[in-house]
Amino acid sequence: MLMESIAWAEGTGGGSTAASGGAGGMLSLIPFLLIFIIFYFLLIRPQQKKQKQQQALLDTVKKGDKVVTTSGIWGTITNLGKQTVTLQIADNTKVKMQRENIARLRSEDEDKDKDA
């Protein structure tokens, strides 16, 4: 009997607290929303921008471009396919690899450093 009266007493004042509880529930979501916004601008958006730049690089490479691969191999593109690229890395050495492994184009300054 005592438990029933306690449960009934807790449930009787629900009209005024339910309205304020709904507003409190919305206020408790604000920190999570702010955290998501911070993650978006610090992590997600820069990663998407980097992926777009990499895809643009892969779409514009052509035969004769001097590139550096993700594994650090320096080479010159001798043949392009849809998924693959053939790099000449030495006088008589050619390597066929996936196109996605091209990290960046080499600048002419880097070519001078290599020969030095």
PDB file of N, CA and C in Angstrom:
ATOM      1  N   MET A   1       0.808  -1.180   0.000  1.00  0.00           N
ATOM      2  CA  MET A   1       0.000   0.000   0.000  1.00  0.00           C
ATOM      3  C   MET A   1       0.860   1.256   0.000  1.00  0.00           C
ATOM      4  N   LEU A   2       1.946   1.200   0.736  1.00  0.00           N
ATOM      5  CA  LEU A   2       2.838   2.346   0.803  1.00  0.00           C
ATOM      6  C   LEU A   2       3.472   2.620  -0.565  1.00  0.00           C
ATOM      7  N   MET A   3       3.861   1.570  -1.271  1.00  0.00           N
ATOM      8  CA  MET A   3       4.486   1.731  -2.587  1.00  0.00           C
ATOM      9  C   MET A   3       3.514   2.330  -3.595  1.00  0.00           C
ATOM     10  N   GLU A   4       2.251   1.931  -3.515  1.00  0.00           N
ATOM     11  CA  GLU A   4       1.259   2.473  -4.437  1.00  0.00           C
ATOM     12  C   GLU A   4       1.059   3.958  -4.205  1.00  0.00           C
ATOM     13  N   SER A   5       1.051   4.382  -2.963  1.00  0.00           N
ATOM     14  CA  SER A   5       0.837   5.799  -2.668  1.00  0.00           C
ATOM     15  C   SER A   5       2.046   6.624  -3.092  1.00  0.00           C
ATOM     16  N   ILE A   6       3.241   6.066  -2.971  1.00  0.00           N
ATOM     17  CA  ILE A   6       4.442   6.794  -3.417  1.00  0.00           C
ATOM     18  C   ILE A   6       4.435   6.931  -4.935  1.00  0.00           C
ATOM     19  N   ALA A   7       4.104   5.871  -5.638  1.00  0.00           N
ATOM     20  CA  ALA A   7       4.045   5.925  -7.089  1.00  0.00           C
ATOM     21  C   ALA A   7       2.958   6.883  -7.546  1.00  0.00           C
ATOM     22  N   TRP A   8       1.814   6.884  -6.863  1.00  0.00           N
ATOM     23  CA  TRP A   8       0.726   7.789  -7.235  1.00  0.00           C
ATOM     24  C   TRP A   8       1.121   9.231  -6.955  1.00  0.00           C
ATOM     25  N   ALA A   9       1.852   9.465  -5.881  1.00  0.00           N
ATOM     26  CA  ALA A   9       2.274  10.815  -5.511  1.00  0.00           C
ATOM     27  C   ALA A   9       3.290  11.354  -6.514  1.00  0.00           C
ATOM     28  N   GLU A  10       4.147  10.502  -7.025  1.00  0.00           N
ATOM     29  CA  GLU A  10       5.127  10.944  -8.010  1.00  0.00           C
ATOM     30  C   GLU A  10       4.478  11.255  -9.346  1.00  0.00           C
ATOM     31  N   GLY A  11       3.404  10.560  -9.662  1.00  0.00           N
ATOM     32  CA  GLY A  11       2.771  10.746 -10.956  1.00  0.00           C
ATOM     33  C   GLY A  11       1.736  11.843 -10.982  1.00  0.00           C
ATOM     34  N   THR A  12       1.320  12.392  -9.868  1.00  0.00           N
ATOM     35  CA  THR A  12       0.229  13.372  -9.863  1.00  0.00           C
ATOM     36  C   THR A  12       0.656  14.745 -10.329  1.00  0.00           C
ATOM     37  N   GLY A  13       1.843  15.170 -10.115  1.00  0.00           N
ATOM     38  CA  GLY A  13       2.265  16.517 -10.511  1.00  0.00           C
ATOM     39  C   GLY A  13       2.811  16.561 -11.919  1.00  0.00           C
ATOM     40  N   GLY A  14       2.430  15.631 -12.774  1.00  0.00           N
ATOM     41  CA  GLY A  14       3.014  15.502 -14.109  1.00  0.00           C
ATOM     42  C   GLY A  14       2.613  16.565 -15.087  1.00  0.00           C
ATOM     43  N   GLY A  15       1.515  17.257 -14.896  1.00  0.00           N
ATOM     44  CA  GLY A  15       1.056  18.225 -15.889  1.00  0.00           C
ATOM     45  C   GLY A  15       2.022  19.372 -16.075  1.00  0.00           C
ATOM     46  N   SER A  16       2.495  19.974 -15.006  1.00  0.00           N
ATOM     47  CA  SER A  16       3.377  21.133 -15.124  1.00  0.00           C
ATOM     48  C   SER A  16       4.819  20.711 -15.399  1.00  0.00           C
ATOM     49  N   THR A  17       5.253  19.563 -14.904  1.00  0.00           N
ATOM     50  CA  THR A  17       6.635  19.141 -15.125  1.00  0.00           C
ATOM     51  C   THR A  17       6.831  18.557 -16.513  1.00  0.00           C
ATOM     52  N   ALA A  18       5.799  18.040 -17.135  1.00  0.00           N
ATOM     53  CA  ALA A  18       5.950  17.477 -18.479  1.00  0.00           C
ATOM     54  C   ALA A  18       6.265  18.571 -19.480  1.00  0.00           C
ATOM     55  N   ALA A  19       5.645  19.718 -19.331  1.00  0.00           N
ATOM     56  CA  ALA A  19       5.914  20.817 -20.259  1.00  0.00           C
ATOM     57  C   ALA A  19       7.334  21.336 -20.074  1.00  0.00           C
ATOM     58  N   SER A  20       7.775  21.474 -18.852  1.00  0.00           N
ATOM     59  CA  SER A  20       9.137  21.949 -18.623  1.00  0.00           C
ATOM     60  C   SER A  20      10.152  20.853 -18.949  1.00  0.00           C
ATOM     61  N   GLY A  21       9.767  19.586 -18.797  1.00  0.00           N
ATOM     62  CA  GLY A  21      10.662  18.481 -19.129  1.00  0.00           C
ATOM     63  C   GLY A  21      10.927  18.409 -20.623  1.00  0.00           C
ATOM     64  N   GLY A  22       9.945  18.750 -21.440  1.00  0.00           N
ATOM     65  CA  GLY A  22      10.139  18.762 -22.890  1.00  0.00           C
ATOM     66  C   GLY A  22      11.130  19.834 -23.292  1.00  0.00           C
ATOM     67  N   ALA A  23      11.039  20.997 -22.673  1.00  0.00           N
ATOM     68  CA  ALA A  23      11.983  22.073 -22.970  1.00  0.00           C
ATOM     69  C   ALA A  23      13.374  21.701 -22.468  1.00  0.00           C
ATOM     70  N   GLY A  24      13.418  21.044 -21.309  1.00  0.00           N
ATOM     71  CA  GLY A  24      14.711  20.605 -20.777  1.00  0.00           C
ATOM     72  C   GLY A  24      15.342  19.554 -21.672  1.00  0.00           C
ATOM     73  N   GLY A  25      14.511  18.722 -22.277  1.00  0.00           N
ATOM     74  CA  GLY A  25      15.019  17.709 -23.201  1.00  0.00           C
ATOM     75  C   GLY A  25      15.637  18.342 -24.437  1.00  0.00           C
ATOM     76  N   MET A  26      15.032  19.395 -24.921  1.00  0.00           N
ATOM     77  CA  MET A  26      15.574  20.097 -26.095  1.00  0.00           C
ATOM     78  C   MET A  26      16.888  20.795 -25.733  1.00  0.00           C
ATOM     79  N   LEU A  27      16.942  21.367 -24.534  1.00  0.00           N
ATOM     80  CA  LEU A  27      18.169  22.038 -24.103  1.00  0.00           C
ATOM     81  C   LEU A  27      19.314  21.050 -23.926  1.00  0.00           C
ATOM     82  N   SER A  28      18.997  19.821 -23.556  1.00  0.00           N
ATOM     83  CA  SER A  28      20.062  18.830 -23.379  1.00  0.00           C
ATOM     84  C   SER A  28      20.630  18.360 -24.711  1.00  0.00           C
ATOM     85  N   LEU A  29      19.925  18.598 -25.807  1.00  0.00           N
ATOM     86  CA  LEU A  29      20.429  18.213 -27.130  1.00  0.00           C
ATOM     87  C   LEU A  29      21.389  19.244 -27.709  1.00  0.00           C
ATOM     88  N   ILE A  30      21.372  20.452 -27.186  1.00  0.00           N
ATOM     89  CA  ILE A  30      22.227  21.520 -27.719  1.00  0.00           C
ATOM     90  C   ILE A  30      23.717  21.177 -27.629  1.00  0.00           C
ATOM     91  N   PRO A  31      24.243  20.637 -26.523  1.00  0.00           N
ATOM     92  CA  PRO A  31      25.672  20.274 -26.503  1.00  0.00           C
ATOM     93  C   PRO A  31      26.030  19.230 -27.570  1.00  0.00           C
ATOM     94  N   PHE A  32      25.149  18.257 -27.788  1.00  0.00           N
ATOM     95  CA  PHE A  32      25.431  17.243 -28.813  1.00  0.00           C
ATOM     96  C   PHE A  32      25.436  17.863 -30.202  1.00  0.00           C
ATOM     97  N   LEU A  33      24.537  18.792 -30.432  1.00  0.00           N
ATOM     98  CA  LEU A  33      24.480  19.487 -31.715  1.00  0.00           C
ATOM     99  C   LEU A  33      25.751  20.309 -31.929  1.00  0.00           C
ATOM    100  N   LEU A  34      26.192  20.991 -30.886  1.00  0.00           N
ATOM    101  CA  LEU A  34      27.424  21.777 -30.989  1.00  0.00           C
ATOM    102  C   LEU A  34      28.635  20.880 -31.242  1.00  0.00           C
ATOM    103  N   ILE A  35      28.686  19.744 -30.589  1.00  0.00           N
ATOM    104  CA  ILE A  35      29.795  18.811 -30.813  1.00  0.00           C
ATOM    105  C   ILE A  35      29.794  18.320 -32.251  1.00  0.00           C
ATOM    106  N   PHE A  36      28.619  18.006 -32.785  1.00  0.00           N
ATOM    107  CA  PHE A  36      28.539  17.557 -34.174  1.00  0.00           C
ATOM    108  C   PHE A  36      29.009  18.652 -35.128  1.00  0.00           C
ATOM    109  N   ILE A  37      28.616  19.881 -34.877  1.00  0.00           N
ATOM    110  CA  ILE A  37      29.035  20.999 -35.738  1.00  0.00           C
ATOM    111  C   ILE A  37      30.550  21.174 -35.689  1.00  0.00           C
ATOM    112  N   ILE A  38      31.126  21.070 -34.499  1.00  0.00           N
ATOM    113  CA  ILE A  38      32.581  21.186 -34.372  1.00  0.00           C
ATOM    114  C   ILE A  38      33.276  20.053 -35.116  1.00  0.00           C
ATOM    115  N   PHE A  39      32.801  18.817 -34.963  1.00  0.00           N
ATOM    116  CA  PHE A  39      33.379  17.684 -35.693  1.00  0.00           C
ATOM    117  C   PHE A  39      33.269  17.885 -37.191  1.00  0.00           C
ATOM    118  N   TYR A  40      32.148  18.415 -37.648  1.00  0.00           N
ATOM    119  CA  TYR A  40      31.965  18.615 -39.084  1.00  0.00           C
ATOM    120  C   TYR A  40      33.020  19.575 -39.629  1.00  0.00           C
ATOM    121  N   PHE A  41      33.208  20.708 -38.978  1.00  0.00           N
ATOM    122  CA  PHE A  41      34.138  21.705 -39.499  1.00  0.00           C
ATOM    123  C   PHE A  41      35.599  21.361 -39.253  1.00  0.00           C
ATOM    124  N   LEU A  42      35.901  20.571 -38.241  1.00  0.00           N
ATOM    125  CA  LEU A  42      37.293  20.233 -37.965  1.00  0.00           C
ATOM    126  C   LEU A  42      37.745  18.918 -38.592  1.00  0.00           C
ATOM    127  N   LEU A  43      36.830  17.980 -38.806  1.00  0.00           N
ATOM    128  CA  LEU A  43      37.228  16.664 -39.303  1.00  0.00           C
ATOM    129  C   LEU A  43      36.603  16.301 -40.642  1.00  0.00           C
ATOM    130  N   ILE A  44      35.306  16.355 -40.732  1.00  0.00           N
ATOM    131  CA  ILE A  44      34.603  15.841 -41.910  1.00  0.00           C
ATOM    132  C   ILE A  44      34.830  16.726 -43.130  1.00  0.00           C
ATOM    133  N   ARG A  45      34.605  18.021 -42.996  1.00  0.00           N
ATOM    134  CA  ARG A  45      34.719  18.930 -44.146  1.00  0.00           C
ATOM    135  C   ARG A  45      36.140  18.966 -44.731  1.00  0.00           C
ATOM    136  N   PRO A  46      37.207  19.092 -43.920  1.00  0.00           N
ATOM    137  CA  PRO A  46      38.552  19.067 -44.509  1.00  0.00           C
ATOM    138  C   PRO A  46      38.870  17.747 -45.216  1.00  0.00           C
ATOM    139  N   GLN A  47      38.387  16.626 -44.673  1.00  0.00           N
ATOM    140  CA  GLN A  47      38.634  15.330 -45.317  1.00  0.00           C
ATOM    141  C   GLN A  47      37.930  15.255 -46.661  1.00  0.00           C
ATOM    142  N   GLN A  48      36.699  15.755 -46.746  1.00  0.00           N
ATOM    143  CA  GLN A  48      35.982  15.760 -48.021  1.00  0.00           C
ATOM    144  C   GLN A  48      36.686  16.645 -49.032  1.00  0.00           C
ATOM    145  N   LYS A  49      37.199  17.777 -48.593  1.00  0.00           N
ATOM    146  CA  LYS A  49      37.917  18.685 -49.485  1.00  0.00           C
ATOM    147  C   LYS A  49      39.190  18.028 -50.021  1.00  0.00           C
ATOM    148  N   LYS A  50      39.899  17.330 -49.141  1.00  0.00           N
ATOM    149  CA  LYS A  50      41.127  16.641 -49.550  1.00  0.00           C
ATOM    150  C   LYS A  50      40.817  15.533 -50.561  1.00  0.00           C
ATOM    151  N   GLN A  51      39.731  14.791 -50.342  1.00  0.00           N
ATOM    152  CA  GLN A  51      39.350  13.732 -51.278  1.00  0.00           C
ATOM    153  C   GLN A  51      38.991  14.304 -52.637  1.00  0.00           C
ATOM    154  N   LYS A  52      38.307  15.436 -52.672  1.00  0.00           N
ATOM    155  CA  LYS A  52      37.964  16.077 -53.950  1.00  0.00           C
ATOM    156  C   LYS A  52      39.213  16.530 -54.687  1.00  0.00           C
ATOM    157  N   GLN A  53      40.181  17.089 -53.961  1.00  0.00           N
ATOM    158  CA  GLN A  53      41.437  17.509 -54.586  1.00  0.00           C
ATOM    159  C   GLN A  53      42.198  16.311 -55.142  1.00  0.00           C
ATOM    160  N   GLN A  54      42.233  15.211 -54.397  1.00  0.00           N
ATOM    161  CA  GLN A  54      42.923  14.009 -54.867  1.00  0.00           C
ATOM    162  C   GLN A  54      42.257  13.448 -56.112  1.00  0.00           C
ATOM    163  N   GLN A  55      40.921  13.431 -56.126  1.00  0.00           N
ATOM    164  CA  GLN A  55      40.204  12.915 -57.295  1.00  0.00           C
ATOM    165  C   GLN A  55      40.442  13.813 -58.507  1.00  0.00           C
ATOM    166  N   ALA A  56      40.493  15.118 -58.301  1.00  0.00           N
ATOM    167  CA  ALA A  56      40.780  16.046 -59.395  1.00  0.00           C
ATOM    168  C   ALA A  56      42.181  15.805 -59.940  1.00  0.00           C
ATOM    169  N   LEU A  57      43.151  15.543 -59.069  1.00  0.00           N
ATOM    170  CA  LEU A  57      44.506  15.222 -59.507  1.00  0.00           C
ATOM    171  C   LEU A  57      44.516  13.955 -60.352  1.00  0.00           C
ATOM    172  N   LEU A  58      43.835  12.917 -59.873  1.00  0.00           N
ATOM    173  CA  LEU A  58      43.816  11.645 -60.602  1.00  0.00           C
ATOM    174  C   LEU A  58      43.123  11.789 -61.956  1.00  0.00           C
ATOM    175  N   ASP A  59      42.137  12.663 -62.049  1.00  0.00           N
ATOM    176  CA  ASP A  59      41.437  12.858 -63.318  1.00  0.00           C
ATOM    177  C   ASP A  59      42.267  13.641 -64.326  1.00  0.00           C
ATOM    178  N   THR A  60      43.228  14.450 -63.859  1.00  0.00           N
ATOM    179  CA  THR A  60      43.990  15.312 -64.765  1.00  0.00           C
ATOM    180  C   THR A  60      45.378  14.787 -65.113  1.00  0.00           C
ATOM    181  N   VAL A  61      45.835  13.693 -64.492  1.00  0.00           N
ATOM    182  CA  VAL A  61      47.167  13.189 -64.835  1.00  0.00           C
ATOM    183  C   VAL A  61      47.180  12.713 -66.281  1.00  0.00           C
ATOM    184  N   LYS A  62      48.337  12.874 -66.900  1.00  0.00           N
ATOM    185  CA  LYS A  62      48.477  12.478 -68.305  1.00  0.00           C
ATOM    186  C   LYS A  62      49.845  11.832 -68.521  1.00  0.00           C
ATOM    187  N   LYS A  63      50.001  11.262 -69.675  1.00  0.00           N
ATOM    188  CA  LYS A  63      51.245  10.605 -70.035  1.00  0.00           C
ATOM    189  C   LYS A  63      52.383  11.630 -70.022  1.00  0.00           C
ATOM    190  N   GLY A  64      53.479  11.259 -69.395  1.00  0.00           N
ATOM    191  CA  GLY A  64      54.634  12.146 -69.302  1.00  0.00           C
ATOM    192  C   GLY A  64      54.719  12.916 -67.995  1.00  0.00           C
ATOM    193  N   ASP A  65      53.668  12.912 -67.195  1.00  0.00           N
ATOM    194  CA  ASP A  65      53.709  13.594 -65.896  1.00  0.00           C
ATOM    195  C   ASP A  65      54.663  12.881 -64.957  1.00  0.00           C
ATOM    196  N   LYS A  66      55.379  13.667 -64.180  1.00  0.00           N
ATOM    197  CA  LYS A  66      56.294  13.118 -63.185  1.00  0.00           C
ATOM    198  C   LYS A  66      55.557  13.151 -61.851  1.00  0.00           C
ATOM    199  N   VAL A  67      55.457  11.979 -61.209  1.00  0.00           N
ATOM    200  CA  VAL A  67      54.637  11.842 -60.012  1.00  0.00           C
ATOM    201  C   VAL A  67      55.403  11.172 -58.889  1.00  0.00           C
ATOM    202  N   VAL A  68      54.821  11.274 -57.688  1.00  0.00           N
ATOM    203  CA  VAL A  68      55.284  10.541 -56.515  1.00  0.00           C
ATOM    204  C   VAL A  68      54.104   9.707 -56.050  1.00  0.00           C
ATOM    205  N   THR A  69      54.343   8.431 -55.773  1.00  0.00           N
ATOM    206  CA  THR A  69      53.263   7.548 -55.334  1.00  0.00           C
ATOM    207  C   THR A  69      53.125   7.607 -53.816  1.00  0.00           C
ATOM    208  N   THR A  70      52.063   6.985 -53.319  1.00  0.00           N
ATOM    209  CA  THR A  70      51.839   6.954 -51.873  1.00  0.00           C
ATOM    210  C   THR A  70      52.936   6.186 -51.143  1.00  0.00           C
ATOM    211  N   SER A  71      53.607   5.287 -51.840  1.00  0.00           N
ATOM    212  CA  SER A  71      54.698   4.532 -51.221  1.00  0.00           C
ATOM    213  C   SER A  71      56.038   5.244 -51.367  1.00  0.00           C
ATOM    214  N   GLY A  72      56.051   6.422 -51.997  1.00  0.00           N
ATOM    215  CA  GLY A  72      57.271   7.201 -52.112  1.00  0.00           C
ATOM    216  C   GLY A  72      58.085   6.940 -53.369  1.00  0.00           C
ATOM    217  N   ILE A  73      57.549   6.193 -54.313  1.00  0.00           N
ATOM    218  CA  ILE A  73      58.272   5.909 -55.557  1.00  0.00           C
ATOM    219  C   ILE A  73      58.120   7.094 -56.501  1.00  0.00           C
ATOM    220  N   TRP A  74      59.237   7.549 -57.044  1.00  0.00           N
ATOM    221  CA  TRP A  74      59.238   8.626 -58.026  1.00  0.00           C
ATOM    222  C   TRP A  74      59.242   7.998 -59.410  1.00  0.00           C
ATOM    223  N   GLY A  75      58.387   8.481 -60.280  1.00  0.00           N
ATOM    224  CA  GLY A  75      58.348   7.919 -61.622  1.00  0.00           C
ATOM    225  C   GLY A  75      57.689   8.860 -62.611  1.00  0.00           C
ATOM    226  N   THR A  76      57.747   8.431 -63.869  1.00  0.00           N
ATOM    227  CA  THR A  76      57.121   9.176 -64.958  1.00  0.00           C
ATOM    228  C   THR A  76      56.046   8.294 -65.569  1.00  0.00           C
ATOM    229  N   ILE A  77      54.880   8.851 -65.787  1.00  0.00           N
ATOM    230  CA  ILE A  77      53.772   8.077 -66.334  1.00  0.00           C
ATOM    231  C   ILE A  77      54.044   7.779 -67.804  1.00  0.00           C
ATOM    232  N   THR A  78      54.006   6.482 -68.144  1.00  0.00           N
ATOM    233  CA  THR A  78      54.207   6.081 -69.531  1.00  0.00           C
ATOM    234  C   THR A  78      52.932   5.554 -70.176  1.00  0.00           C
ATOM    235  N   ASN A  79      51.977   5.117 -69.370  1.00  0.00           N
ATOM    236  CA  ASN A  79      50.724   4.587 -69.908  1.00  0.00           C
ATOM    237  C   ASN A  79      49.631   4.755 -68.864  1.00  0.00           C
ATOM    238  N   LEU A  80      48.421   5.098 -69.337  1.00  0.00           N
ATOM    239  CA  LEU A  80      47.280   5.274 -68.444  1.00  0.00           C
ATOM    240  C   LEU A  80      46.157   4.330 -68.839  1.00  0.00           C
ATOM    241  N   GLY A  81      45.546   3.721 -67.851  1.00  0.00           N
ATOM    242  CA  GLY A  81      44.341   2.932 -68.044  1.00  0.00           C
ATOM    243  C   GLY A  81      43.243   3.494 -67.169  1.00  0.00           C
ATOM    244  N   LYS A  82      42.076   2.855 -67.186  1.00  0.00           N
ATOM    245  CA  LYS A  82      40.989   3.344 -66.336  1.00  0.00           C
ATOM    246  C   LYS A  82      41.337   3.203 -64.863  1.00  0.00           C
ATOM    247  N   GLN A  83      41.880   2.056 -64.474  1.00  0.00           N
ATOM    248  CA  GLN A  83      42.183   1.768 -63.079  1.00  0.00           C
ATOM    249  C   GLN A  83      43.677   1.737 -62.775  1.00  0.00           C
ATOM    250  N   THR A  84      44.507   1.635 -63.806  1.00  0.00           N
ATOM    251  CA  THR A  84      45.939   1.448 -63.593  1.00  0.00           C
ATOM    252  C   THR A  84      46.744   2.541 -64.283  1.00  0.00           C
ATOM    253  N   VAL A  85      47.980   2.626 -63.883  1.00  0.00           N
ATOM    254  CA  VAL A  85      48.936   3.540 -64.484  1.00  0.00           C
ATOM    255  C   VAL A  85      50.285   2.817 -64.527  1.00  0.00           C
ATOM    256  N   THR A  86      51.036   3.038 -65.588  1.00  0.00           N
ATOM    257  CA  THR A  86      52.364   2.449 -65.700  1.00  0.00           C
ATOM    258  C   THR A  86      53.385   3.548 -65.498  1.00  0.00           C
ATOM    259  N   LEU A  87      54.284   3.335 -64.538  1.00  0.00           N
ATOM    260  CA  LEU A  87      55.321   4.310 -64.226  1.00  0.00           C
ATOM    261  C   LEU A  87      56.675   3.775 -64.630  1.00  0.00           C
ATOM    262  N   GLN A  88      57.470   4.635 -65.227  1.00  0.00           N
ATOM    263  CA  GLN A  88      58.861   4.290 -65.487  1.00  0.00           C
ATOM    264  C   GLN A  88      59.655   4.867 -64.334  1.00  0.00           C
ATOM    265  N   ILE A  89      60.274   3.975 -63.565  1.00  0.00           N
ATOM    266  CA  ILE A  89      60.986   4.421 -62.366  1.00  0.00           C
ATOM    267  C   ILE A  89      62.503   4.391 -62.547  1.00  0.00           C
ATOM    268  N   ALA A  90      62.974   3.752 -63.608  1.00  0.00           N
ATOM    269  CA  ALA A  90      64.393   3.736 -63.962  1.00  0.00           C
ATOM    270  C   ALA A  90      64.455   3.566 -65.481  1.00  0.00           C
ATOM    271  N   ASP A  91      65.676   3.518 -66.022  1.00  0.00           N
ATOM    272  CA  ASP A  91      65.818   3.459 -67.480  1.00  0.00           C
ATOM    273  C   ASP A  91      65.083   2.279 -68.096  1.00  0.00           C
ATOM    274  N   ASN A  92      65.233   1.099 -67.564  1.00  0.00           N
ATOM    275  CA  ASN A  92      64.588  -0.080 -68.129  1.00  0.00           C
ATOM    276  C   ASN A  92      63.597  -0.713 -67.159  1.00  0.00           C
ATOM    277  N   THR A  93      63.045   0.066 -66.269  1.00  0.00           N
ATOM    278  CA  THR A  93      62.148  -0.485 -65.255  1.00  0.00           C
ATOM    279  C   THR A  93      60.819   0.253 -65.271  1.00  0.00           C
ATOM    280  N   LYS A  94      59.755  -0.520 -65.530  1.00  0.00           N
ATOM    281  CA  LYS A  94      58.406   0.031 -65.497  1.00  0.00           C
ATOM    282  C   LYS A  94      57.587  -0.747 -64.483  1.00  0.00           C
ATOM    283  N   VAL A  95      56.715  -0.033 -63.780  1.00  0.00           N
ATOM    284  CA  VAL A  95      55.879  -0.624 -62.748  1.00  0.00           C
ATOM    285  C   VAL A  95      54.434  -0.262 -63.048  1.00  0.00           C
ATOM    286  N   LYS A  96      53.566  -1.268 -62.993  1.00  0.00           N
ATOM    287  CA  LYS A  96      52.137  -1.028 -63.181  1.00  0.00           C
ATOM    288  C   LYS A  96      51.473  -1.024 -61.809  1.00  0.00           C
ATOM    289  N   MET A  97      50.704   0.027 -61.517  1.00  0.00           N
ATOM    290  CA  MET A  97      50.060   0.136 -60.209  1.00  0.00           C
ATOM    291  C   MET A  97      48.696   0.778 -60.356  1.00  0.00           C
ATOM    292  N   GLN A  98      47.931   0.733 -59.276  1.00  0.00           N
ATOM    293  CA  GLN A  98      46.619   1.345 -59.297  1.00  0.00           C
ATOM    294  C   GLN A  98      46.749   2.852 -59.367  1.00  0.00           C
ATOM    295  N   ARG A  99      45.801   3.454 -60.065  1.00  0.00           N
ATOM    296  CA  ARG A  99      45.814   4.891 -60.268  1.00  0.00           C
ATOM    297  C   ARG A  99      45.692   5.657 -58.939  1.00  0.00           C
ATOM    298  N   GLU A 100      44.956   5.095 -57.983  1.00  0.00           N
ATOM    299  CA  GLU A 100      44.747   5.758 -56.699  1.00  0.00           C
ATOM    300  C   GLU A 100      46.025   5.916 -55.894  1.00  0.00           C
ATOM    301  N   ASN A 101      47.081   5.203 -56.261  1.00  0.00           N
ATOM    302  CA  ASN A 101      48.336   5.280 -55.517  1.00  0.00           C
ATOM    303  C   ASN A 101      49.188   6.480 -55.892  1.00  0.00           C
ATOM    304  N   ILE A 102      48.736   7.295 -56.821  1.00  0.00           N
ATOM    305  CA  ILE A 102      49.458   8.526 -57.139  1.00  0.00           C
ATOM    306  C   ILE A 102      49.138   9.537 -56.047  1.00  0.00           C
ATOM    307  N   ALA A 103      50.174   9.998 -55.356  1.00  0.00           N
ATOM    308  CA  ALA A 103      49.977  10.931 -54.248  1.00  0.00           C
ATOM    309  C   ALA A 103      49.993  12.372 -54.727  1.00  0.00           C
ATOM    310  N   ARG A 104      50.954  12.701 -55.601  1.00  0.00           N
ATOM    311  CA  ARG A 104      51.074  14.083 -56.057  1.00  0.00           C
ATOM    312  C   ARG A 104      51.962  14.160 -57.283  1.00  0.00           C
ATOM    313  N   LEU A 105      51.910  15.304 -57.931  1.00  0.00           N
ATOM    314  CA  LEU A 105      52.811  15.575 -59.043  1.00  0.00           C
ATOM    315  C   LEU A 105      54.113  16.127 -58.485  1.00  0.00           C
ATOM    316  N   ARG A 106      55.213  15.820 -59.161  1.00  0.00           N
ATOM    317  CA  ARG A 106      56.515  16.354 -58.744  1.00  0.00           C
ATOM    318  C   ARG A 106      56.725  17.708 -59.393  1.00  0.00           C
ATOM    319  N   SER A 107      57.369  18.589 -58.661  1.00  0.00           N
ATOM    320  CA  SER A 107      57.719  19.893 -59.228  1.00  0.00           C
ATOM    321  C   SER A 107      59.110  19.805 -59.850  1.00  0.00           C
ATOM    322  N   GLU A 108      59.438  20.793 -60.664  1.00  0.00           N
ATOM    323  CA  GLU A 108      60.759  20.790 -61.303  1.00  0.00           C
ATOM    324  C   GLU A 108      61.865  20.997 -60.279  1.00  0.00           C
ATOM    325  N   ASP A 109      61.572  21.691 -59.184  1.00  0.00           N
ATOM    326  CA  ASP A 109      62.571  21.883 -58.131  1.00  0.00           C
ATOM    327  C   ASP A 109      62.956  20.548 -57.506  1.00  0.00           C
ATOM    328  N   GLU A 110      61.992  19.656 -57.343  1.00  0.00           N
ATOM    329  CA  GLU A 110      62.266  18.343 -56.772  1.00  0.00           C
ATOM    330  C   GLU A 110      63.134  17.513 -57.718  1.00  0.00           C
ATOM    331  N   ASP A 111      62.949  17.669 -59.030  1.00  0.00           N
ATOM    332  CA  ASP A 111      63.764  16.939 -59.992  1.00  0.00           C
ATOM    333  C   ASP A 111      65.217  17.359 -59.901  1.00  0.00           C
ATOM    334  N   LYS A 112      65.467  18.641 -59.660  1.00  0.00           N
ATOM    335  CA  LYS A 112      66.846  19.123 -59.531  1.00  0.00           C
ATOM    336  C   LYS A 112      67.485  18.579 -58.253  1.00  0.00           C
ATOM    337  N   ASP A 113      66.695  18.489 -57.161  1.00  0.00           N
ATOM    338  CA  ASP A 113      67.210  17.944 -55.913  1.00  0.00           C
ATOM    339  C   ASP A 113      67.571  16.476 -56.050  1.00  0.00           C
ATOM    340  N   LYS A 114      66.822  15.735 -56.852  1.00  0.00           N
ATOM    341  CA  LYS A 114      67.050  14.301 -57.029  1.00  0.00           C
ATOM    342  C   LYS A 114      68.398  14.050 -57.711  1.00  0.00           C
ATOM    343  N   ASP A 115      68.732  14.884 -58.677  1.00  0.00           N
ATOM    344  CA  ASP A 115      69.963  14.686 -59.429  1.00  0.00           C
ATOM    345  C   ASP A 115      71.194  15.122 -58.640  1.00  0.00           C
ATOM    346  N   ALA A 116      71.015  15.974 -57.668  1.00  0.00           N
ATOM    347  CA  ALA A 116      72.162  16.527 -56.928  1.00  0.00           C
ATOM    348  C   ALA A 116      72.790  15.535 -56.003  1.00  0.00           C
TER     349      ALA A 116
END
